[in-house]
Amino acid sequence: MLEKLKEILKNSYSPYSNFKVATIVVMKDGCEFQGVNVENASYGAGICAERSAILSAISQGYKKGDFKEMHVLTSGNKISTSCFLCRQVMSEFFAKDIVVHFYDLEGHRMDLTVADLCPYPFDSEDLK
């Protein structure tokens, strides 16, 4: 998976931060969706790699409960975890026990569940 992520990382459009991120979400049926971060001069108009990949899967007809795992690679010099916007989207579509694998360029990996990343999620129950 790391080699696939390194190849996808080249597609990141990050001229402002120079911090590249690549993501692959794997569905329960084995299908994979890729995402990269895409920055914009109007910073809020950019999108993170994690949300790009998740939303690609949803756009292709997948639903909450169809996700199996996620893999994330960053170009930084250490393993980095997802921002809180991405964690919110993960908590919407992923089961709490889904594992997110975070990598650095050297291949070191840290595995966290969605429950680890989002111990107190804001979800549909909060809207009642």
Protein backbone atom coordinates (compact mmCIF):
# COMPACT_ATOMS: atom_id res chain seq x y z
CA MET A 1 0.00 0.00 0.00
CA LEU A 2 2.89 2.35 0.78
CA GLU A 3 4.18 2.26 -2.81
CA LYS A 4 0.71 3.09 -4.15
CA LEU A 5 0.48 6.00 -1.72
CA LYS A 6 3.89 7.33 -2.74
CA GLU A 7 2.80 7.31 -6.39
CA ILE A 8 -0.48 9.09 -5.59
CA LEU A 9 1.37 11.65 -3.43
CA LYS A 10 2.84 13.08 -6.64
CA ASN A 11 -0.65 14.29 -7.60
CA SER A 12 -1.01 16.52 -4.54
CA TYR A 13 -1.49 20.19 -5.38
CA SER A 14 0.11 21.90 -2.40
CA PRO A 15 2.05 24.97 -3.61
CA TYR A 16 1.32 26.98 -0.45
CA SER A 17 2.15 24.57 2.36
CA ASN A 18 4.37 22.14 0.44
CA PHE A 19 2.78 19.49 2.69
CA LYS A 20 1.58 16.69 0.46
CA VAL A 21 -0.99 14.12 1.55
CA ALA A 22 -2.24 10.99 -0.23
CA THR A 23 -5.06 8.71 0.89
CA ILE A 24 -6.56 5.42 -0.19
CA VAL A 25 -9.88 4.25 1.23
CA VAL A 26 -10.60 0.56 0.83
CA MET A 27 -14.18 -0.58 0.60
CA LYS A 28 -15.53 -3.87 1.95
CA ASP A 29 -15.87 -5.15 -1.64
CA GLY A 30 -12.15 -4.45 -2.27
CA CYS A 31 -12.64 -1.34 -4.41
CA GLU A 32 -10.20 1.49 -3.65
CA PHE A 33 -10.61 5.25 -3.93
CA GLN A 34 -7.71 7.67 -3.96
CA GLY A 35 -7.46 11.22 -2.76
CA VAL A 36 -4.85 13.95 -2.47
CA ASN A 37 -4.89 17.33 -0.83
CA VAL A 38 -5.70 20.17 -3.21
CA GLU A 39 -4.87 23.65 -1.95
CA ASN A 40 -6.20 26.98 -3.15
CA ALA A 41 -5.04 30.58 -2.77
CA SER A 42 -8.29 31.04 -0.84
CA TYR A 43 -7.25 28.53 1.82
CA GLY A 44 -10.75 27.50 2.85
CA ALA A 45 -11.49 26.39 -0.72
CA GLY A 46 -8.95 23.56 -0.53
CA ILE A 47 -9.71 19.97 0.41
CA CYS A 48 -7.80 17.36 2.35
CA ALA A 49 -6.81 14.02 0.84
CA GLU A 50 -8.90 12.04 3.32
CA ARG A 51 -12.13 13.87 2.52
CA SER A 52 -11.35 13.76 -1.19
CA ALA A 53 -11.09 9.96 -1.11
CA ILE A 54 -14.14 9.44 1.12
CA LEU A 55 -16.31 11.76 -0.97
CA SER A 56 -15.15 10.04 -4.16
CA ALA A 57 -16.45 6.75 -2.78
CA ILE A 58 -19.76 8.34 -1.80
CA SER A 59 -20.00 9.94 -5.26
CA GLN A 60 -19.69 6.48 -6.79
CA GLY A 61 -22.64 5.15 -4.80
CA TYR A 62 -20.99 3.72 -1.69
CA LYS A 63 -22.72 4.31 1.63
CA LYS A 64 -22.01 4.51 5.32
CA GLY A 65 -21.02 1.00 6.38
CA ASP A 66 -19.28 0.15 3.07
CA PHE A 67 -15.84 1.33 4.21
CA LYS A 68 -13.22 -1.20 5.37
CA GLU A 69 -10.06 0.84 6.10
CA MET A 70 -8.09 3.93 5.18
CA HIS A 71 -4.40 4.56 4.47
CA VAL A 72 -2.80 8.02 4.71
CA LEU A 73 0.71 9.15 3.73
CA THR A 74 2.15 12.62 4.33
CA SER A 75 5.29 14.22 2.96
CA GLY A 76 6.35 15.53 6.37
CA ASN A 77 9.29 14.17 8.32
CA LYS A 78 7.05 12.33 10.80
CA ILE A 79 3.73 10.49 10.91
CA SER A 80 0.86 12.96 10.96
CA THR A 81 -2.77 12.25 11.75
CA SER A 82 -5.84 13.72 10.08
CA CYS A 83 -7.21 17.18 10.77
CA PHE A 84 -10.44 17.49 12.72
CA LEU A 85 -12.56 18.25 9.64
CA CYS A 86 -11.46 14.92 8.19
CA ARG A 87 -12.07 13.17 11.50
CA GLN A 88 -15.62 14.53 11.50
CA VAL A 89 -16.23 13.11 8.01
CA MET A 90 -14.68 9.79 9.07
CA SER A 91 -17.01 9.63 12.07
CA GLU A 92 -19.98 10.19 9.74
CA PHE A 93 -19.19 7.36 7.30
CA PHE A 94 -16.88 4.92 9.12
CA ALA A 95 -17.69 2.45 11.88
CA LYS A 96 -15.87 3.23 15.12
CA ASP A 97 -13.67 0.12 14.78
CA ILE A 98 -12.35 0.92 11.30
CA VAL A 99 -8.58 1.26 11.31
CA VAL A 100 -6.82 4.23 9.75
CA HIS A 101 -3.19 3.48 8.86
CA PHE A 102 -0.91 6.53 8.94
CA TYR A 103 2.51 6.34 7.24
CA ASP A 104 5.60 8.47 6.88
CA LEU A 105 7.81 8.40 3.79
CA GLU A 106 10.18 5.89 5.39
CA GLY A 107 7.37 3.39 5.86
CA HIS A 108 6.82 3.75 9.59
CA ARG A 109 3.17 3.20 10.40
CA MET A 110 0.75 4.10 13.16
CA ASP A 111 -2.68 2.43 13.28
CA LEU A 112 -5.60 4.12 15.00
CA THR A 113 -9.29 3.31 15.02
CA VAL A 114 -11.92 5.93 14.30
CA ALA A 115 -12.83 5.67 18.00
CA ASP A 116 -9.21 6.57 18.86
CA LEU A 117 -9.31 9.56 16.52
CA CYS A 118 -12.81 10.68 17.50
CA PRO A 119 -13.49 9.73 21.13
CA TYR A 120 -16.37 12.20 21.42
CA PRO A 121 -17.88 12.52 17.95
CA PHE A 122 -20.60 14.94 16.97
CA ASP A 123 -23.13 12.75 15.19
CA SER A 124 -26.81 12.35 14.38
CA GLU A 125 -27.61 11.66 18.03
CA ASP A 126 -26.50 15.19 18.89
CA LEU A 127 -29.13 16.61 16.53
CA LYS A 128 -32.08 15.07 18.40
